[in-house]
Amino acid sequence: MPKRIDYYDDPQAPPANSLVPSVNVIVANERDEVLMICRTDNGNWALPGGAIDLGESLPEAAVRETREETGITCEITGISGTYTDPKHVIHYTSDDEVRQEFSIVLTARPVSGEPTPSSESREVHWVPRAELDGYQMDRSMKLRIKHHAEGRTAPHIG
């Protein structure tokens, strides 16, 4: 089965060979829970999201990726930050693509649907914000959630 391997500032990491703009979405409900997926390619918990397709706007990609991975349709409400750290690379073993991190993180509210796993998400849950630290996730995903939880008045730019 193809895997995703995240590396951070690791001299053993393969060099990046692509840069793909992507989006993650922090979907929060009225109970202060965040929509999270357990990824099928590495077993880590993450915010829904993925690559922006040609001909697609950032908000369109965010809504599409969230619906595809979680079964939840959302409405975009804002931007939490940009994450473009060249020390973070993601190796996709299926084709040896090694992406340099490039993610724009948006905020959203749920509109309809029920949490439903997909081929990319083996589990989908609404997680109380106070319990997020207990979930296994990559350091970059933890950072995105931390920045949002801090209630910053300006988006993170990095």
N, C-alpha and C. Protein backbone atom coordinates (compact mmCIF):
# COMPACT_ATOMS: atom_id res chain seq x y z
N MET A 1 0.84 -1.19 0.00
CA MET A 1 0.00 0.00 0.00
C MET A 1 0.89 1.25 0.00
N PRO A 2 0.59 2.22 -0.88
CA PRO A 2 1.37 3.46 -0.90
C PRO A 2 1.29 4.18 0.44
N LYS A 3 2.38 4.83 0.79
CA LYS A 3 2.44 5.54 2.06
C LYS A 3 2.84 6.99 1.85
N ARG A 4 2.56 7.76 2.89
CA ARG A 4 3.00 9.15 2.98
C ARG A 4 3.92 9.21 4.18
N ILE A 5 5.12 9.75 3.96
CA ILE A 5 6.09 9.87 5.05
C ILE A 5 6.47 11.35 5.17
N ASP A 6 6.23 11.92 6.34
CA ASP A 6 6.59 13.31 6.60
C ASP A 6 7.97 13.37 7.23
N TYR A 7 8.78 14.30 6.74
CA TYR A 7 10.11 14.55 7.30
C TYR A 7 10.20 16.01 7.69
N TYR A 8 10.88 16.29 8.78
CA TYR A 8 11.13 17.68 9.16
C TYR A 8 12.59 17.86 9.53
N ASP A 9 13.27 18.72 8.80
CA ASP A 9 14.67 19.06 9.07
C ASP A 9 15.49 17.79 9.28
N ASP A 10 15.29 16.82 8.40
CA ASP A 10 15.93 15.52 8.52
C ASP A 10 16.96 15.35 7.41
N PRO A 11 18.25 15.22 7.75
CA PRO A 11 19.27 15.06 6.71
C PRO A 11 19.11 13.76 5.91
N GLN A 12 18.35 12.81 6.44
CA GLN A 12 18.11 11.54 5.73
C GLN A 12 16.90 11.62 4.79
N ALA A 13 16.18 12.74 4.81
CA ALA A 13 14.99 12.89 3.96
C ALA A 13 15.41 13.00 2.50
N PRO A 14 14.61 12.45 1.60
CA PRO A 14 14.89 12.64 0.19
C PRO A 14 14.67 14.11 -0.18
N PRO A 15 15.38 14.63 -1.18
CA PRO A 15 15.19 16.02 -1.56
C PRO A 15 13.83 16.25 -2.23
N ALA A 16 13.26 17.41 -1.98
CA ALA A 16 11.98 17.76 -2.61
C ALA A 16 12.14 17.78 -4.12
N ASN A 17 11.09 17.28 -4.83
CA ASN A 17 11.09 17.34 -6.28
C ASN A 17 9.79 17.94 -6.83
N SER A 18 8.93 18.45 -5.92
CA SER A 18 7.72 19.12 -6.37
C SER A 18 7.21 20.09 -5.30
N LEU A 19 6.39 21.01 -5.76
CA LEU A 19 5.73 21.97 -4.89
C LEU A 19 4.29 22.05 -5.38
N VAL A 20 3.33 21.62 -4.54
CA VAL A 20 1.94 21.53 -4.94
C VAL A 20 1.10 22.35 -3.96
N PRO A 21 0.47 23.44 -4.41
CA PRO A 21 -0.40 24.20 -3.51
C PRO A 21 -1.54 23.31 -2.99
N SER A 22 -1.72 23.34 -1.68
CA SER A 22 -2.79 22.54 -1.08
C SER A 22 -3.52 23.36 -0.03
N VAL A 23 -4.61 22.80 0.45
CA VAL A 23 -5.43 23.47 1.44
C VAL A 23 -5.77 22.48 2.55
N ASN A 24 -5.80 22.97 3.79
CA ASN A 24 -6.37 22.25 4.93
C ASN A 24 -7.51 23.09 5.46
N VAL A 25 -8.47 22.42 6.09
CA VAL A 25 -9.65 23.14 6.56
C VAL A 25 -9.92 22.81 8.03
N ILE A 26 -10.00 23.86 8.83
CA ILE A 26 -10.38 23.72 10.24
C ILE A 26 -11.89 23.95 10.30
N VAL A 27 -12.63 22.84 10.30
CA VAL A 27 -14.09 22.90 10.38
C VAL A 27 -14.45 22.75 11.85
N ALA A 28 -15.04 23.79 12.43
CA ALA A 28 -15.43 23.76 13.84
C ALA A 28 -16.94 23.89 13.95
N ASN A 29 -17.53 23.09 14.83
CA ASN A 29 -18.98 23.15 15.01
C ASN A 29 -19.34 23.99 16.24
N GLU A 30 -20.64 24.08 16.51
CA GLU A 30 -21.12 24.93 17.61
C GLU A 30 -20.76 24.36 18.98
N ARG A 31 -20.32 23.11 19.06
CA ARG A 31 -19.90 22.50 20.33
C ARG A 31 -18.40 22.66 20.57
N ASP A 32 -17.74 23.47 19.75
CA ASP A 32 -16.30 23.70 19.83
C ASP A 32 -15.51 22.42 19.58
N GLU A 33 -16.00 21.63 18.62
CA GLU A 33 -15.32 20.42 18.18
C GLU A 33 -14.74 20.68 16.79
N VAL A 34 -13.62 20.02 16.50
CA VAL A 34 -12.94 20.18 15.22
C VAL A 34 -13.06 18.87 14.43
N LEU A 35 -13.35 18.98 13.15
CA LEU A 35 -13.48 17.81 12.29
C LEU A 35 -12.09 17.27 11.94
N MET A 36 -11.83 16.01 12.29
CA MET A 36 -10.53 15.40 12.08
C MET A 36 -10.68 14.08 11.34
N ILE A 37 -9.65 13.74 10.56
CA ILE A 37 -9.62 12.45 9.87
C ILE A 37 -8.39 11.68 10.32
N CYS A 38 -8.50 10.35 10.31
CA CYS A 38 -7.35 9.49 10.47
C CYS A 38 -6.97 9.05 9.06
N ARG A 39 -5.79 9.49 8.60
CA ARG A 39 -5.36 9.25 7.22
C ARG A 39 -5.11 7.76 6.97
N THR A 40 -5.48 7.29 5.79
CA THR A 40 -5.23 5.88 5.45
C THR A 40 -3.77 5.65 5.05
N ASP A 41 -3.07 6.70 4.60
CA ASP A 41 -1.71 6.50 4.08
C ASP A 41 -0.61 6.54 5.14
N ASN A 42 -0.92 7.04 6.35
CA ASN A 42 0.12 7.04 7.39
C ASN A 42 -0.43 6.82 8.81
N GLY A 43 -1.74 6.73 8.96
CA GLY A 43 -2.32 6.48 10.27
C GLY A 43 -2.36 7.68 11.19
N ASN A 44 -1.89 8.84 10.74
CA ASN A 44 -1.93 10.05 11.55
C ASN A 44 -3.28 10.74 11.44
N TRP A 45 -3.62 11.50 12.47
CA TRP A 45 -4.81 12.33 12.45
C TRP A 45 -4.46 13.65 11.79
N ALA A 46 -5.40 14.22 11.07
CA ALA A 46 -5.15 15.45 10.33
C ALA A 46 -6.45 16.20 10.08
N LEU A 47 -6.30 17.46 9.73
CA LEU A 47 -7.41 18.25 9.22
C LEU A 47 -7.69 17.76 7.81
N PRO A 48 -8.94 17.81 7.35
CA PRO A 48 -9.19 17.45 5.96
C PRO A 48 -8.50 18.42 5.02
N GLY A 49 -8.18 17.94 3.82
CA GLY A 49 -7.56 18.82 2.84
C GLY A 49 -6.80 18.06 1.79
N GLY A 50 -6.26 18.82 0.85
CA GLY A 50 -5.49 18.21 -0.23
C GLY A 50 -5.13 19.23 -1.28
N ALA A 51 -4.66 18.72 -2.40
CA ALA A 51 -4.17 19.57 -3.49
C ALA A 51 -5.30 20.37 -4.15
N ILE A 52 -4.93 21.54 -4.61
CA ILE A 52 -5.85 22.39 -5.36
C ILE A 52 -5.73 21.99 -6.83
N ASP A 53 -6.84 21.61 -7.45
CA ASP A 53 -6.82 21.19 -8.85
C ASP A 53 -6.81 22.39 -9.79
N LEU A 54 -6.25 22.17 -10.98
CA LEU A 54 -6.31 23.21 -12.02
C LEU A 54 -7.76 23.58 -12.28
N GLY A 55 -8.03 24.87 -12.45
CA GLY A 55 -9.38 25.34 -12.71
C GLY A 55 -10.24 25.49 -11.47
N GLU A 56 -9.66 25.28 -10.31
CA GLU A 56 -10.39 25.31 -9.04
C GLU A 56 -9.85 26.43 -8.17
N SER A 57 -10.75 27.15 -7.51
CA SER A 57 -10.32 28.20 -6.59
C SER A 57 -9.96 27.56 -5.24
N LEU A 58 -9.27 28.31 -4.41
CA LEU A 58 -8.91 27.84 -3.07
C LEU A 58 -10.14 27.42 -2.27
N PRO A 59 -11.18 28.27 -2.18
CA PRO A 59 -12.36 27.84 -1.40
C PRO A 59 -13.07 26.63 -2.02
N GLU A 60 -13.11 26.55 -3.35
CA GLU A 60 -13.73 25.38 -3.98
C GLU A 60 -12.98 24.10 -3.60
N ALA A 61 -11.65 24.16 -3.64
CA ALA A 61 -10.84 22.99 -3.27
C ALA A 61 -11.08 22.61 -1.81
N ALA A 62 -11.18 23.60 -0.94
CA ALA A 62 -11.39 23.34 0.48
C ALA A 62 -12.71 22.62 0.73
N VAL A 63 -13.77 23.11 0.10
CA VAL A 63 -15.09 22.49 0.27
C VAL A 63 -15.09 21.09 -0.34
N ARG A 64 -14.52 20.94 -1.54
CA ARG A 64 -14.47 19.62 -2.20
C ARG A 64 -13.69 18.61 -1.37
N GLU A 65 -12.48 18.98 -0.96
CA GLU A 65 -11.64 18.05 -0.19
C GLU A 65 -12.31 17.64 1.13
N THR A 66 -12.92 18.59 1.80
CA THR A 66 -13.60 18.29 3.06
C THR A 66 -14.75 17.31 2.83
N ARG A 67 -15.55 17.57 1.82
CA ARG A 67 -16.69 16.69 1.51
C ARG A 67 -16.20 15.28 1.11
N GLU A 68 -15.16 15.22 0.25
CA GLU A 68 -14.64 13.92 -0.20
C GLU A 68 -14.07 13.09 0.95
N GLU A 69 -13.34 13.73 1.85
CA GLU A 69 -12.65 12.99 2.91
C GLU A 69 -13.49 12.73 4.15
N THR A 70 -14.56 13.54 4.34
CA THR A 70 -15.31 13.45 5.60
C THR A 70 -16.81 13.25 5.47
N GLY A 71 -17.39 13.52 4.30
CA GLY A 71 -18.84 13.48 4.15
C GLY A 71 -19.53 14.75 4.62
N ILE A 72 -18.76 15.72 5.09
CA ILE A 72 -19.31 16.98 5.60
C ILE A 72 -19.15 18.07 4.54
N THR A 73 -20.24 18.76 4.26
CA THR A 73 -20.19 19.96 3.41
C THR A 73 -19.99 21.14 4.34
N CYS A 74 -19.05 22.01 3.98
CA CYS A 74 -18.75 23.15 4.85
C CYS A 74 -18.84 24.47 4.09
N GLU A 75 -18.88 25.54 4.85
CA GLU A 75 -18.85 26.90 4.31
C GLU A 75 -17.60 27.57 4.85
N ILE A 76 -16.78 28.11 3.96
CA ILE A 76 -15.54 28.75 4.35
C ILE A 76 -15.84 30.07 5.06
N THR A 77 -15.15 30.30 6.19
CA THR A 77 -15.39 31.51 6.98
C THR A 77 -14.17 32.41 7.12
N GLY A 78 -12.98 31.89 6.79
CA GLY A 78 -11.79 32.72 6.94
C GLY A 78 -10.51 31.97 6.63
N ILE A 79 -9.41 32.63 6.95
CA ILE A 79 -8.09 32.03 6.74
C ILE A 79 -7.35 31.99 8.08
N SER A 80 -6.75 30.86 8.37
CA SER A 80 -5.99 30.70 9.61
C SER A 80 -4.51 30.95 9.38
N GLY A 81 -4.00 30.56 8.18
CA GLY A 81 -2.58 30.81 7.93
C GLY A 81 -2.06 30.11 6.69
N THR A 82 -0.78 30.38 6.43
CA THR A 82 -0.06 29.73 5.33
C THR A 82 1.15 29.01 5.93
N TYR A 83 1.44 27.83 5.39
CA TYR A 83 2.51 26.99 5.91
C TYR A 83 3.36 26.51 4.73
N THR A 84 4.57 27.07 4.62
CA THR A 84 5.43 26.81 3.46
C THR A 84 6.86 26.54 3.89
N ASP A 85 7.04 25.78 4.94
CA ASP A 85 8.37 25.52 5.50
C ASP A 85 9.15 24.54 4.61
N PRO A 86 10.26 24.97 3.98
CA PRO A 86 11.03 24.06 3.13
C PRO A 86 11.72 22.94 3.90
N LYS A 87 11.76 23.04 5.24
CA LYS A 87 12.33 21.94 6.03
C LYS A 87 11.36 20.76 6.15
N HIS A 88 10.08 21.00 5.81
CA HIS A 88 9.08 19.93 5.87
C HIS A 88 8.85 19.41 4.46
N VAL A 89 9.18 18.13 4.25
CA VAL A 89 8.91 17.48 2.97
C VAL A 89 8.06 16.24 3.20
N ILE A 90 7.24 15.92 2.22
CA ILE A 90 6.32 14.79 2.29
C ILE A 90 6.65 13.85 1.15
N HIS A 91 7.01 12.61 1.49
CA HIS A 91 7.37 11.60 0.49
C HIS A 91 6.17 10.69 0.25
N TYR A 92 5.71 10.66 -1.00
CA TYR A 92 4.63 9.76 -1.41
C TYR A 92 5.30 8.56 -2.08
N THR A 93 5.25 7.41 -1.44
CA THR A 93 6.00 6.25 -1.92
C THR A 93 5.43 5.64 -3.20
N SER A 94 4.19 5.93 -3.54
CA SER A 94 3.58 5.34 -4.73
C SER A 94 4.28 5.77 -6.02
N ASP A 95 4.79 7.01 -6.04
CA ASP A 95 5.45 7.52 -7.26
C ASP A 95 6.75 8.25 -6.96
N ASP A 96 7.22 8.17 -5.73
CA ASP A 96 8.46 8.83 -5.28
C ASP A 96 8.41 10.36 -5.39
N GLU A 97 7.20 10.90 -5.40
CA GLU A 97 7.08 12.36 -5.33
C GLU A 97 7.46 12.79 -3.92
N VAL A 98 8.26 13.86 -3.83
CA VAL A 98 8.64 14.42 -2.53
C VAL A 98 8.29 15.90 -2.58
N ARG A 99 7.21 16.25 -1.90
CA ARG A 99 6.70 17.62 -1.94
C ARG A 99 7.28 18.47 -0.82
N GLN A 100 7.62 19.68 -1.16
CA GLN A 100 7.92 20.69 -0.14
C GLN A 100 6.57 21.19 0.37
N GLU A 101 6.47 21.39 1.67
CA GLU A 101 5.21 21.86 2.27
C GLU A 101 4.73 23.16 1.64
N PHE A 102 3.44 23.19 1.28
CA PHE A 102 2.80 24.42 0.79
C PHE A 102 1.30 24.27 1.06
N SER A 103 0.86 24.74 2.20
CA SER A 103 -0.53 24.59 2.58
C SER A 103 -1.11 25.90 3.07
N ILE A 104 -2.29 26.19 2.59
CA ILE A 104 -3.06 27.34 3.07
C ILE A 104 -4.18 26.75 3.94
N VAL A 105 -4.30 27.24 5.15
CA VAL A 105 -5.28 26.69 6.09
C VAL A 105 -6.44 27.67 6.23
N LEU A 106 -7.63 27.18 5.91
CA LEU A 106 -8.85 27.98 5.99
C LEU A 106 -9.69 27.51 7.17
N THR A 107 -10.60 28.36 7.61
CA THR A 107 -11.56 28.00 8.65
C THR A 107 -12.93 27.85 7.99
N ALA A 108 -13.78 27.04 8.62
CA ALA A 108 -15.09 26.79 8.05
C ALA A 108 -16.07 26.35 9.13
N ARG A 109 -17.33 26.38 8.75
CA ARG A 109 -18.38 25.85 9.62
C ARG A 109 -19.11 24.76 8.84
N PRO A 110 -19.61 23.73 9.52
CA PRO A 110 -20.33 22.66 8.83
C PRO A 110 -21.71 23.15 8.38
N VAL A 111 -22.13 22.67 7.22
CA VAL A 111 -23.45 23.03 6.69
C VAL A 111 -24.36 21.80 6.68
N SER A 112 -23.82 20.66 6.25
CA SER A 112 -24.63 19.45 6.19
C SER A 112 -23.72 18.23 6.14
N GLY A 113 -24.35 17.06 6.27
CA GLY A 113 -23.63 15.80 6.15
C GLY A 113 -23.35 15.15 7.49
N GLU A 114 -22.88 13.91 7.41
CA GLU A 114 -22.50 13.13 8.57
C GLU A 114 -21.07 12.64 8.38
N PRO A 115 -20.27 12.58 9.44
CA PRO A 115 -18.90 12.08 9.31
C PRO A 115 -18.89 10.69 8.68
N THR A 116 -18.20 10.58 7.54
CA THR A 116 -18.16 9.34 6.77
C THR A 116 -16.75 9.12 6.24
N PRO A 117 -16.13 8.00 6.57
CA PRO A 117 -14.78 7.72 6.05
C PRO A 117 -14.78 7.58 4.53
N SER A 118 -13.58 7.69 3.94
CA SER A 118 -13.39 7.57 2.50
C SER A 118 -12.14 6.75 2.24
N SER A 119 -11.73 6.68 0.99
CA SER A 119 -10.49 5.97 0.67
C SER A 119 -9.27 6.66 1.26
N GLU A 120 -9.39 7.95 1.59
CA GLU A 120 -8.27 8.71 2.17
C GLU A 120 -8.35 8.83 3.68
N SER A 121 -9.51 8.49 4.25
CA SER A 121 -9.71 8.66 5.70
C SER A 121 -10.38 7.41 6.27
N ARG A 122 -9.65 6.69 7.11
CA ARG A 122 -10.25 5.47 7.65
C ARG A 122 -11.18 5.76 8.83
N GLU A 123 -11.02 6.93 9.45
CA GLU A 123 -11.93 7.38 10.51
C GLU A 123 -12.16 8.88 10.36
N VAL A 124 -13.35 9.32 10.73
CA VAL A 124 -13.70 10.74 10.73
C VAL A 124 -14.44 11.02 12.02
N HIS A 125 -13.97 12.02 12.79
CA HIS A 125 -14.59 12.32 14.08
C HIS A 125 -14.63 13.83 14.33
N TRP A 126 -15.66 14.24 15.07
CA TRP A 126 -15.67 15.57 15.66
C TRP A 126 -14.91 15.43 16.98
N VAL A 127 -13.82 16.14 17.13
CA VAL A 127 -12.97 16.02 18.31
C VAL A 127 -13.07 17.29 19.14
N PRO A 128 -13.42 17.17 20.44
CA PRO A 128 -13.43 18.35 21.30
C PRO A 128 -12.05 19.02 21.27
N ARG A 129 -12.03 20.32 21.14
CA ARG A 129 -10.77 21.07 21.04
C ARG A 129 -9.81 20.71 22.18
N ALA A 130 -10.33 20.52 23.37
CA ALA A 130 -9.48 20.21 24.53
C ALA A 130 -8.83 18.83 24.43
N GLU A 131 -9.30 17.96 23.54
CA GLU A 131 -8.76 16.60 23.43
C GLU A 131 -7.81 16.44 22.24
N LEU A 132 -7.61 17.46 21.44
CA LEU A 132 -6.79 17.34 20.22
C LEU A 132 -5.35 16.93 20.50
N ASP A 133 -4.80 17.35 21.62
CA ASP A 133 -3.41 16.99 21.95
C ASP A 133 -3.21 15.49 22.10
N GLY A 134 -4.27 14.76 22.38
CA GLY A 134 -4.17 13.32 22.58
C GLY A 134 -4.16 12.50 21.30
N TYR A 135 -4.23 13.16 20.15
CA TYR A 135 -4.28 12.46 18.87
C TYR A 135 -2.91 12.49 18.19
N GLN A 136 -2.51 11.35 17.63
CA GLN A 136 -1.23 11.25 16.93
C GLN A 136 -1.32 12.00 15.61
N MET A 137 -0.44 12.99 15.43
CA MET A 137 -0.40 13.74 14.18
C MET A 137 0.99 14.30 13.95
N ASP A 138 1.25 14.64 12.70
CA ASP A 138 2.54 15.21 12.34
C ASP A 138 2.71 16.58 13.02
N ARG A 139 3.96 16.96 13.26
CA ARG A 139 4.24 18.23 13.94
C ARG A 139 3.65 19.41 13.18
N SER A 140 3.64 19.38 11.84
CA SER A 140 3.10 20.52 11.09
C SER A 140 1.59 20.65 11.28
N MET A 141 0.89 19.52 11.42
CA MET A 141 -0.55 19.57 11.65
C MET A 141 -0.81 20.09 13.06
N LYS A 142 -0.03 19.65 14.03
CA LYS A 142 -0.18 20.15 15.40
C LYS A 142 0.02 21.66 15.44
N LEU A 143 1.01 22.14 14.68
CA LEU A 143 1.28 23.58 14.64
C LEU A 143 0.10 24.35 14.07
N ARG A 144 -0.49 23.85 13.00
CA ARG A 144 -1.65 24.52 12.38
C ARG A 144 -2.81 24.62 13.36
N ILE A 145 -3.07 23.54 14.07
CA ILE A 145 -4.16 23.52 15.05
C ILE A 145 -3.83 24.44 16.22
N LYS A 146 -2.58 24.41 16.69
CA LYS A 146 -2.16 25.27 17.80
C LYS A 146 -2.35 26.74 17.46
N HIS A 147 -1.90 27.14 16.28
CA HIS A 147 -2.04 28.54 15.87
C HIS A 147 -3.51 28.96 15.85
N HIS A 148 -4.36 28.10 15.35
CA HIS A 148 -5.79 28.43 15.31
C HIS A 148 -6.36 28.52 16.72
N ALA A 149 -5.99 27.57 17.58
CA ALA A 149 -6.52 27.53 18.94
C ALA A 149 -6.11 28.74 19.77
N GLU A 150 -4.97 29.34 19.40
CA GLU A 150 -4.50 30.52 20.12
C GLU A 150 -5.38 31.74 19.86
N GLY A 151 -6.27 31.66 18.89
CA GLY A 151 -7.16 32.78 18.59
C GLY A 151 -6.45 34.00 18.05
N ARG A 152 -5.43 33.79 17.28
CA ARG A 152 -4.67 34.90 16.71
C ARG A 152 -5.58 35.83 15.90
N THR A 153 -5.30 37.13 15.96
CA THR A 153 -6.11 38.08 15.22
C THR A 153 -5.67 38.20 13.76
N ALA A 154 -4.46 37.77 13.46
CA ALA A 154 -3.96 37.79 12.09
C ALA A 154 -3.55 36.37 11.70
N PRO A 155 -3.68 36.03 10.43
CA PRO A 155 -3.27 34.70 10.00
C PRO A 155 -1.77 34.47 10.18
N HIS A 156 -1.40 33.21 10.42
CA HIS A 156 0.02 32.84 10.46
C HIS A 156 0.57 32.90 9.03
N ILE A 157 1.73 33.48 8.86
CA ILE A 157 2.37 33.53 7.55
C ILE A 157 3.75 32.91 7.72
N GLY A 158 3.90 31.73 7.17
CA GLY A 158 5.17 31.05 7.33
C GLY A 158 5.35 29.95 6.33
